[in-house]
Amino acid sequence: MYLKSLKVENWQCIEYTKPIFENLMLFIGPTNNGKSSIISAIMFFLGYRNLRTKDIRNLDLPLELEGIFQNFSQANYKNLKDFIYKKELTLKIQKFPNYDVQYKIKINRDWKTITEETYREIISHIPILYIPPFQDKKQINFLVNSLFEILKRRNISETLMISSLKKLANSLQNDYVSKGLYRNLLFEIFRSISEESQKRNHSIIGNTIVFFEEPELYLHPQAEKELYNAFIQLSNLGAQLYISTHSSNFISLKHYKSICIMRKHKDFGSRAFQFKGRLFSGDEVKYFNMNYWINPDRSELFFAKKVILVEGQTDKIVLGYLAKKLGIYKYNYSILECGSKSIIPQFIKLLNAFKIPYVAIYDKDNHYWRTELEIENSNDKNRSIQRAINFKFGDFIEFENDIEEELYNEKRERKNYKNKPFYALKTVSEEDYIIPARLKEKIEKIYK
């Protein structure tokens, strides 16, 4: 069976949130914004860890976790059919001030109190593997034993791959394993599990939930991408992988439904931000995917405190350079080159969906040498950008008519637009270059 949603109230830094789960979950967000809190809440709900006093955010209020399970195997359904209602099984854990923990199950539309033993028997149908950023010898042994117990229960036969897996696992249990080697051995293990699962066309670890914190540690970028692909393949074949990461190599716009951004609010605690609807339709999908594959580093937008959307290379290079010159550059702001003005509304749509702050910067393109038709076409695109913006957390800035005219503080001839990034950077990097007041004001607005 599979965990499909979990309501979390009064847990650690979380006042209230309710994430919806995919087989592959990618928990991202700044440090100390709730990634570990949401993972620990899930693990407690699934019986993997005990309740600690510090887990309760406000001791004067009740703690409540309520989860819904779906997609049962035949064996699960047979064992749990008395608890399944409309293809769902719903469990709840409550802890009221000065009272013991209560376990409940929803039968039809009514809640029934059950014992902790009954609760643990129900959730035991989901095996768990937990991989923290660093492990001691005892934790490594527990991980290895848990993995092979899962394979044993699933009657995975002795194959060349399993023998290889055991050798890797034995290496992890050596008296001394460096942190880098430890992480690379884990990488090899998951790559092997994924490859064998693809051969069999099903996950050899079944519906196991793998909690993997910071899988990118000690891996070079190419290995990160390969490990992420292994995660995707495993999740497609039935495993559940809950990944906490700071690396954009584990983020793909194609799998945006897997992304869960944790953000902390000073008054309301941490919350999960997701988007489960349909972002694009028709040709938008094709053009956006093509645009993304040309620049896969654009996944970093999900990690940014604010995203600066620009049309092309000149804007990206020059704006960053001038912001540093003015002393207002911020590394947690990402400048994202969209490729063209036409693509900016699609990125805005994505940022709106995840409520990521942004500013869209575009050229007005009303140069005196343009034809009437070109100007009208440009104005249509400008209006489409403005209409797409959610002004609760987004804004726009319009260059008159483009960044080159802003840089040189003069109208530019059509012939002056060859090798734009090179000449623009050459100009602004000269010692005697003075940023025009109008451009300076716009850059300060961008980085406010």
Protein backbone atom coordinates (compact mmCIF):
# COMPACT_ATOMS: atom_id res chain seq x y z
CA MET A 1 0.00 0.00 0.00
CA TYR A 2 1.09 3.58 -0.59
CA LEU A 3 0.91 6.71 1.55
CA LYS A 4 -0.96 9.33 -0.49
CA SER A 5 -1.34 12.27 1.91
CA LEU A 6 -0.49 13.25 5.46
CA LYS A 7 -2.03 16.05 7.50
CA VAL A 8 0.50 17.32 10.05
CA GLU A 9 -0.49 19.58 12.95
CA ASN A 10 1.71 20.92 15.77
CA TRP A 11 4.82 18.93 14.86
CA GLN A 12 8.27 20.47 15.44
CA CYS A 13 8.45 23.65 13.29
CA ILE A 14 5.19 22.79 11.50
CA GLU A 15 1.94 24.36 12.69
CA TYR A 16 -0.12 22.83 9.89
CA THR A 17 0.55 21.37 6.46
CA LYS A 18 -0.80 18.58 4.27
CA PRO A 19 1.55 17.27 1.57
CA ILE A 20 0.25 15.01 -1.19
CA PHE A 21 2.67 12.23 -2.11
CA GLU A 22 3.97 10.81 -5.37
CA ASN A 23 6.11 7.67 -5.50
CA LEU A 24 9.07 10.02 -5.88
CA MET A 25 9.07 12.94 -3.45
CA LEU A 26 11.70 15.69 -3.53
CA PHE A 27 11.75 17.80 -0.37
CA ILE A 28 13.69 21.01 -0.95
CA GLY A 29 14.06 24.40 0.69
CA PRO A 30 16.57 26.45 2.71
CA THR A 31 18.24 24.96 5.77
CA ASN A 32 16.07 25.05 8.90
CA ASN A 33 12.83 25.44 6.93
CA GLY A 34 11.18 22.11 7.70
CA LYS A 35 12.58 19.39 5.42
CA SER A 36 13.77 17.23 8.31
CA SER A 37 10.59 18.00 10.25
CA ILE A 38 8.26 16.71 7.54
CA ILE A 39 10.40 13.58 7.05
CA SER A 40 10.48 12.87 10.79
CA ALA A 41 6.67 13.32 10.96
CA ILE A 42 6.22 10.73 8.18
CA MET A 43 8.62 8.32 9.88
CA PHE A 44 6.81 8.66 13.22
CA PHE A 45 3.46 8.14 11.51
CA LEU A 46 4.81 4.97 9.88
CA GLY A 47 6.18 3.65 13.17
CA TYR A 48 9.87 4.08 12.35
CA ARG A 49 10.67 6.38 15.27
CA ASN A 50 9.27 7.18 18.70
CA LEU A 51 7.59 10.38 19.85
CA ARG A 52 9.83 12.82 21.72
CA THR A 53 8.72 15.76 23.81
CA LYS A 54 10.51 18.23 21.51
CA ASP A 55 8.49 16.88 18.55
CA ILE A 56 5.41 18.72 19.85
CA ARG A 57 5.55 22.33 18.66
CA ASN A 58 3.21 23.73 21.33
CA LEU A 59 2.73 21.54 24.42
CA ASP A 60 -0.57 23.29 25.18
CA LEU A 61 -2.10 22.17 21.87
CA PRO A 62 -2.91 18.70 20.48
CA LEU A 63 -0.55 16.95 18.09
CA GLU A 64 -2.31 15.29 15.16
CA LEU A 65 -1.14 13.26 12.16
CA GLU A 66 -3.70 11.89 9.72
CA GLY A 67 -2.70 9.85 6.68
CA ILE A 68 -4.50 8.26 3.76
CA PHE A 69 -3.29 5.06 2.07
CA GLN A 70 -4.25 3.82 -1.40
CA ASN A 71 -3.16 1.28 -4.07
CA PHE A 72 -3.24 -2.01 -2.18
CA SER A 73 -1.73 -5.26 -3.39
CA GLN A 74 -3.99 -8.30 -3.39
CA ALA A 75 -2.34 -9.56 -0.19
CA ASN A 76 -2.69 -6.15 1.51
CA TYR A 77 -6.31 -5.84 0.47
CA LYS A 78 -7.11 -9.31 1.80
CA ASN A 79 -5.51 -8.52 5.18
CA LEU A 80 -6.92 -5.01 5.50
CA LYS A 81 -10.27 -5.19 3.71
CA ASP A 82 -12.23 -4.56 6.93
CA PHE A 83 -10.52 -1.17 7.21
CA ILE A 84 -10.63 -0.06 3.57
CA TYR A 85 -13.41 2.31 2.57
CA LYS A 86 -13.81 3.51 -1.03
CA LYS A 87 -10.34 2.16 -1.89
CA GLU A 88 -8.73 4.14 0.93
CA LEU A 89 -7.46 3.39 4.41
CA THR A 90 -7.22 6.33 6.82
CA LEU A 91 -5.24 6.35 10.07
CA LYS A 92 -4.78 9.02 12.71
CA ILE A 93 -2.40 9.61 15.62
CA GLN A 94 -3.40 12.14 18.29
CA LYS A 95 -1.67 13.37 21.42
CA PHE A 96 -3.63 15.74 23.63
CA PRO A 97 -1.92 17.65 26.48
CA ASN A 98 -1.58 15.42 29.58
CA TYR A 99 -2.97 12.36 27.73
CA ASP A 100 -1.32 9.35 26.14
CA VAL A 101 -0.99 8.92 22.39
CA GLN A 102 -4.21 7.69 20.73
CA TYR A 103 -4.38 5.62 17.53
CA LYS A 104 -7.48 5.70 15.35
CA ILE A 105 -8.76 4.25 12.10
CA LYS A 106 -11.60 5.50 9.92
CA ILE A 107 -14.24 2.85 9.24
CA ASN A 108 -16.85 4.08 6.78
CA ARG A 109 -17.11 7.67 8.02
CA ASP A 110 -16.54 7.06 11.72
CA TRP A 111 -13.33 7.05 13.73
CA LYS A 112 -12.56 3.98 15.84
CA THR A 113 -9.85 3.85 18.50
CA ILE A 114 -7.39 0.98 18.05
CA THR A 115 -4.41 -0.28 20.04
CA GLU A 116 -0.86 0.65 19.21
CA GLU A 117 -0.22 -3.01 18.33
CA THR A 118 -3.06 -3.01 15.78
CA TYR A 119 -1.81 0.29 14.35
CA ARG A 120 1.72 -1.04 13.96
CA GLU A 121 0.46 -4.23 12.33
CA ILE A 122 -1.38 -2.17 9.70
CA ILE A 123 1.54 0.09 8.86
CA SER A 124 4.00 -2.82 8.80
CA HIS A 125 2.81 -3.45 5.23
CA ILE A 126 5.11 -0.60 4.16
CA PRO A 127 8.81 -1.50 4.66
CA ILE A 128 11.17 1.42 5.36
CA LEU A 129 14.82 2.18 4.67
CA TYR A 130 16.25 5.36 6.21
CA ILE A 131 19.56 6.85 5.05
CA PRO A 132 20.66 9.95 7.02
CA PRO A 133 23.48 12.19 5.75
CA PHE A 134 26.00 10.39 7.97
CA GLN A 135 25.83 7.03 9.74
CA ASP A 136 27.82 5.24 12.40
CA LYS A 137 28.71 1.52 12.23
CA LYS A 138 25.57 0.48 14.10
CA GLN A 139 23.29 2.43 11.73
CA ILE A 140 25.09 1.03 8.67
CA ASN A 141 24.60 -2.53 9.92
CA PHE A 142 20.92 -1.83 10.54
CA LEU A 143 20.50 -0.40 7.02
CA VAL A 144 22.20 -3.38 5.39
CA ASN A 145 20.22 -5.92 7.42
CA SER A 146 16.97 -4.09 6.68
CA LEU A 147 17.70 -4.09 2.94
CA PHE A 148 18.38 -7.82 2.80
CA GLU A 149 15.40 -8.59 5.01
CA ILE A 150 13.21 -6.77 2.47
CA LEU A 151 14.75 -8.72 -0.41
CA LYS A 152 14.35 -11.99 1.50
CA ARG A 153 10.67 -11.33 2.21
CA ARG A 154 10.15 -10.64 -1.48
CA ASN A 155 11.81 -13.96 -2.41
CA ILE A 156 14.45 -12.28 -4.55
CA SER A 157 16.58 -15.19 -5.78
CA GLU A 158 20.36 -15.44 -5.59
CA THR A 159 21.58 -13.83 -8.79
CA LEU A 160 24.85 -12.29 -9.93
CA MET A 161 23.36 -8.89 -9.09
CA ILE A 162 22.37 -9.95 -5.55
CA SER A 163 25.85 -11.37 -4.97
CA SER A 164 27.32 -8.07 -6.15
CA LEU A 165 24.93 -6.23 -3.86
CA LYS A 166 26.10 -8.31 -0.90
CA LYS A 167 29.73 -7.50 -1.68
CA LEU A 168 28.89 -3.78 -1.70
CA ALA A 169 26.96 -4.16 1.56
CA ASN A 170 29.88 -6.02 3.15
CA SER A 171 32.17 -3.16 2.13
CA LEU A 172 29.89 -0.78 4.00
CA GLN A 173 30.29 -2.90 7.14
CA ASN A 174 34.09 -2.79 7.16
CA ASP A 175 35.76 -1.36 10.26
CA TYR A 176 36.71 1.82 8.44
CA VAL A 177 34.72 3.36 5.61
CA SER A 178 35.37 6.99 4.69
CA LYS A 179 32.36 9.22 4.25
CA GLY A 180 33.09 9.61 0.55
CA LEU A 181 33.43 5.85 0.01
CA TYR A 182 30.31 5.22 2.09
CA ARG A 183 28.24 7.52 -0.13
CA ASN A 184 29.68 6.05 -3.33
CA LEU A 185 28.88 2.52 -2.14
CA LEU A 186 25.29 3.62 -1.50
CA PHE A 187 25.23 5.04 -5.03
CA GLU A 188 26.38 1.66 -6.42
CA ILE A 189 23.78 -0.19 -4.35
CA PHE A 190 20.88 1.92 -5.62
CA ARG A 191 22.14 1.80 -9.18
CA SER A 192 22.24 -2.02 -8.93
CA ILE A 193 18.75 -2.19 -7.39
CA SER A 194 17.40 0.03 -10.18
CA GLU A 195 19.07 -2.00 -12.95
CA GLU A 196 17.80 -5.32 -11.58
CA SER A 197 14.30 -3.87 -11.11
CA GLN A 198 14.24 -2.71 -14.73
CA LYS A 199 15.24 -6.20 -15.90
CA ARG A 200 12.35 -7.71 -13.92
CA ASN A 201 9.97 -4.84 -14.77
CA HIS A 202 9.05 -4.34 -11.11
CA SER A 203 10.75 -2.93 -8.02
CA ILE A 204 12.75 -5.67 -6.29
CA ILE A 205 12.27 -3.76 -3.02
CA GLY A 206 8.51 -3.57 -3.62
CA ASN A 207 6.67 -0.61 -2.17
CA THR A 208 9.45 0.16 0.32
CA ILE A 209 9.70 3.81 1.32
CA VAL A 210 13.32 4.92 1.10
CA PHE A 211 14.05 8.06 3.12
CA PHE A 212 17.30 9.43 1.70
CA GLU A 213 18.69 12.67 3.13
CA GLU A 214 21.11 14.62 0.94
CA PRO A 215 22.01 11.83 -1.54
CA GLU A 216 24.30 14.30 -3.32
CA LEU A 217 26.92 14.25 -0.54
CA TYR A 218 30.38 13.28 -1.84
CA LEU A 219 29.06 12.56 -5.35
CA HIS A 220 30.29 14.41 -8.42
CA PRO A 221 27.57 16.03 -10.61
CA GLN A 222 27.46 13.24 -13.19
CA ALA A 223 26.95 10.63 -10.46
CA GLU A 224 24.18 12.78 -8.95
CA LYS A 225 22.34 12.78 -12.29
CA GLU A 226 22.76 9.01 -12.67
CA LEU A 227 21.50 8.39 -9.13
CA TYR A 228 18.50 10.64 -9.77
CA ASN A 229 17.70 8.61 -12.88
CA ALA A 230 17.89 5.43 -10.77
CA PHE A 231 15.41 6.99 -8.33
CA ILE A 232 13.03 7.82 -11.18
CA GLN A 233 13.21 4.28 -12.59
CA LEU A 234 12.63 2.71 -9.17
CA SER A 235 9.66 4.97 -8.39
CA ASN A 236 8.12 4.18 -11.79
CA LEU A 237 8.36 0.47 -10.94
CA GLY A 238 6.65 0.73 -7.54
CA ALA A 239 9.16 1.85 -4.90
CA GLN A 240 8.58 5.01 -2.89
CA LEU A 241 11.53 7.41 -2.53
CA TYR A 242 11.39 10.44 -0.26
CA ILE A 243 14.47 12.55 -0.99
CA SER A 244 15.67 15.61 0.92
CA THR A 245 18.17 17.51 -1.20
CA HIS A 246 19.97 20.80 -1.85
CA SER A 247 21.11 19.81 -5.35
CA SER A 248 19.39 20.96 -8.54
CA ASN A 249 20.63 17.72 -10.17
CA PHE A 250 17.83 15.92 -8.34
CA ILE A 251 15.17 18.28 -9.66
CA SER A 252 13.48 17.96 -13.04
CA LEU A 253 10.76 20.22 -14.39
CA LYS A 254 9.30 17.13 -16.08
CA HIS A 255 8.59 15.70 -12.60
CA TYR A 256 7.29 18.93 -11.04
CA LYS A 257 4.54 17.02 -9.19
CA SER A 258 7.24 15.35 -7.10
CA ILE A 259 8.63 18.68 -5.88
CA CYS A 260 7.69 19.75 -2.36
CA ILE A 261 9.19 23.06 -1.23
CA MET A 262 9.33 23.58 2.53
CA ARG A 263 9.18 27.22 3.65
CA LYS A 264 9.07 28.71 7.11
CA HIS A 265 6.85 31.66 8.01
CA LYS A 266 7.65 33.63 11.16
CA ASP A 267 4.03 33.37 12.38
CA PHE A 268 2.70 30.12 10.87
CA GLY A 269 5.70 27.81 10.98
CA SER A 270 6.83 25.64 8.07
CA ARG A 271 4.52 24.58 5.25
CA ALA A 272 4.75 22.38 2.18
CA PHE A 273 4.26 24.05 -1.21
CA GLN A 274 3.34 21.79 -4.13
CA PHE A 275 1.49 21.94 -7.42
CA LYS A 276 -0.48 18.92 -8.59
CA GLY A 277 -2.42 20.48 -11.46
CA ARG A 278 -1.51 20.65 -15.12
CA LEU A 279 1.03 23.37 -15.82
CA PHE A 280 1.13 23.36 -19.61
CA SER A 281 -0.98 22.15 -22.49
CA GLY A 282 -0.64 21.72 -26.26
CA ASP A 283 2.45 23.22 -27.85
CA GLU A 284 3.44 24.79 -24.50
CA VAL A 285 4.64 21.39 -23.33
CA LYS A 286 6.85 20.86 -26.39
CA TYR A 287 8.37 24.34 -26.38
CA PHE A 288 8.92 24.44 -22.64
CA ASN A 289 10.53 20.98 -22.57
CA MET A 290 12.80 21.89 -25.50
CA ASN A 291 13.76 25.09 -23.71
CA TYR A 292 14.45 23.20 -20.49
CA TRP A 293 16.60 20.51 -22.10
CA ILE A 294 18.80 23.17 -23.67
CA ASN A 295 19.43 24.62 -20.19
CA PRO A 296 18.87 21.92 -17.53
CA ASP A 297 20.50 24.12 -14.87
CA ARG A 298 17.23 26.06 -14.74
CA SER A 299 16.07 23.60 -12.08
CA GLU A 300 17.89 25.84 -9.60
CA LEU A 301 14.89 28.19 -9.66
CA PHE A 302 13.23 25.91 -7.07
CA PHE A 303 16.04 26.68 -4.60
CA ALA A 304 16.04 30.45 -5.07
CA LYS A 305 14.74 32.99 -2.59
CA LYS A 306 13.79 35.07 -5.63
CA VAL A 307 13.98 34.38 -9.37
CA ILE A 308 14.98 37.03 -11.90
CA LEU A 309 13.58 36.08 -15.30
CA VAL A 310 15.43 37.55 -18.29
CA GLU A 311 15.24 37.05 -22.04
CA GLY A 312 18.81 36.21 -22.96
CA GLN A 313 22.53 36.05 -22.21
CA THR A 314 23.22 39.80 -22.29
CA ASP A 315 20.66 40.49 -19.55
CA LYS A 316 21.91 37.62 -17.39
CA ILE A 317 25.59 38.58 -17.64
CA VAL A 318 25.20 42.35 -17.32
CA LEU A 319 22.58 42.48 -14.56
CA GLY A 320 24.63 40.19 -12.32
CA TYR A 321 27.80 42.18 -13.00
CA LEU A 322 26.19 45.58 -12.34
CA ALA A 323 24.46 44.35 -9.17
CA LYS A 324 27.87 43.30 -7.81
CA LYS A 325 29.31 46.68 -8.84
CA LEU A 326 26.53 48.40 -6.88
CA GLY A 327 27.10 46.11 -3.89
CA ILE A 328 23.53 44.73 -3.92
CA TYR A 329 24.04 41.33 -5.55
CA LYS A 330 22.43 38.43 -3.70
CA TYR A 331 23.58 34.86 -4.23
CA ASN A 332 20.24 33.41 -3.13
CA TYR A 333 18.58 35.24 -6.06
CA SER A 334 18.79 33.27 -9.32
CA ILE A 335 19.00 34.99 -12.72
CA LEU A 336 17.22 32.68 -15.14
CA GLU A 337 17.74 33.02 -18.88
CA CYS A 338 14.42 32.04 -20.48
CA GLY A 339 15.66 32.03 -24.07
CA SER A 340 13.11 34.44 -25.48
CA LYS A 341 10.32 36.80 -24.50
CA SER A 342 7.73 34.26 -25.65
CA ILE A 343 8.87 31.69 -23.05
CA ILE A 344 8.80 34.06 -20.05
CA PRO A 345 5.03 33.55 -19.37
CA GLN A 346 5.60 29.78 -19.08
CA PHE A 347 8.26 30.28 -16.41
CA ILE A 348 5.93 32.75 -14.68
CA LYS A 349 3.22 30.10 -14.69
CA LEU A 350 5.62 27.66 -13.02
CA LEU A 351 6.71 30.21 -10.40
CA ASN A 352 3.10 31.16 -9.70
CA ALA A 353 2.24 27.49 -9.13
CA PHE A 354 4.91 27.11 -6.43
CA LYS A 355 4.51 30.67 -5.10
CA ILE A 356 8.19 31.47 -5.66
CA PRO A 357 8.93 35.25 -5.61
CA TYR A 358 10.13 36.61 -8.95
CA VAL A 359 10.58 39.60 -11.21
CA ALA A 360 10.21 39.30 -15.00
CA ILE A 361 12.50 41.59 -17.03
CA TYR A 362 11.89 42.08 -20.72
CA ASP A 363 12.70 44.46 -23.56
CA LYS A 364 9.91 46.74 -24.71
CA ASP A 365 11.30 46.42 -28.27
CA ASN A 366 9.64 49.54 -29.65
CA HIS A 367 12.79 50.78 -31.43
CA TYR A 368 12.24 53.57 -33.93
CA TRP A 369 13.61 51.38 -36.73
CA ARG A 370 11.09 48.57 -36.19
CA THR A 371 8.07 48.18 -38.48
CA GLU A 372 4.54 48.77 -37.25
CA LEU A 373 3.86 45.03 -37.35
CA GLU A 374 6.99 44.23 -35.33
CA ILE A 375 6.04 46.76 -32.68
CA GLU A 376 2.49 45.40 -32.40
CA ASN A 377 3.81 41.85 -32.13
CA SER A 378 6.25 42.91 -29.43
CA ASN A 379 3.52 44.74 -27.49
CA ASP A 380 1.33 41.64 -27.58
CA LYS A 381 4.14 39.63 -25.99
CA ASN A 382 4.76 42.38 -23.42
CA ARG A 383 1.09 42.33 -22.41
CA SER A 384 1.08 38.54 -22.14
CA ILE A 385 3.96 38.76 -19.64
CA GLN A 386 2.15 41.41 -17.60
CA ARG A 387 -1.11 39.42 -17.57
CA ALA A 388 0.67 36.28 -16.36
CA ILE A 389 2.11 37.92 -13.24
CA ASN A 390 0.67 37.28 -9.80
CA PHE A 391 1.49 40.54 -8.06
CA LYS A 392 1.28 38.95 -4.61
CA PHE A 393 4.81 37.65 -5.11
CA GLY A 394 5.75 38.67 -8.67
CA ASP A 395 6.54 41.86 -10.58
CA PHE A 396 7.92 43.05 -13.92
CA ILE A 397 10.45 45.58 -15.18
CA GLU A 398 10.45 46.83 -18.75
CA PHE A 399 13.62 47.99 -20.51
CA GLU A 400 13.23 50.93 -22.87
CA ASN A 401 13.72 49.54 -25.48
CA ASP A 402 16.28 46.95 -24.43
CA ILE A 403 19.19 46.61 -22.01
CA GLU A 404 21.64 47.95 -24.60
CA GLU A 405 19.79 51.29 -24.83
CA GLU A 406 19.70 51.36 -21.02
CA LEU A 407 23.44 50.66 -20.81
CA TYR A 408 24.53 53.22 -23.37
CA ASN A 409 21.75 55.68 -22.45
CA GLU A 410 21.07 56.30 -26.13
CA LYS A 411 18.94 55.02 -28.97
CA ARG A 412 20.69 52.19 -30.84
CA GLU A 413 20.84 51.40 -34.53
CA ARG A 414 19.87 47.94 -35.74
CA LYS A 415 23.46 47.38 -36.91
CA ASN A 416 24.78 47.78 -33.35
CA TYR A 417 23.40 44.46 -32.14
CA LYS A 418 26.16 42.04 -33.21
CA ASN A 419 27.99 40.14 -30.43
CA LYS A 420 25.73 41.77 -27.84
CA PRO A 421 26.91 39.97 -24.67
CA PHE A 422 30.60 40.59 -25.40
CA TYR A 423 30.32 44.32 -26.12
CA ALA A 424 27.85 44.91 -23.28
CA LEU A 425 30.16 43.28 -20.73
CA LYS A 426 33.16 45.08 -22.22
CA THR A 427 31.36 48.39 -21.77
CA VAL A 428 30.21 47.93 -18.16
CA SER A 429 33.57 46.52 -17.04
CA GLU A 430 35.46 49.66 -18.06
CA GLU A 431 36.71 51.60 -15.04
CA ASP A 432 35.15 54.89 -16.08
CA TYR A 433 31.71 53.40 -16.86
CA ILE A 434 28.94 55.14 -14.94
CA ILE A 435 25.62 53.33 -14.60
CA PRO A 436 22.81 55.57 -15.93
CA ALA A 437 20.45 56.69 -13.15
CA ARG A 438 17.42 55.09 -14.81
CA LEU A 439 19.15 51.69 -15.12
CA LYS A 440 20.54 51.91 -11.59
CA GLU A 441 17.02 52.44 -10.25
CA LYS A 442 15.78 49.35 -12.09
CA ILE A 443 18.61 47.15 -10.85
CA GLU A 444 17.95 48.27 -7.27
CA LYS A 445 14.29 47.37 -7.74
CA ILE A 446 15.26 43.94 -9.10
CA TYR A 447 17.41 43.22 -6.03
CA LYS A 448 15.24 44.79 -3.39
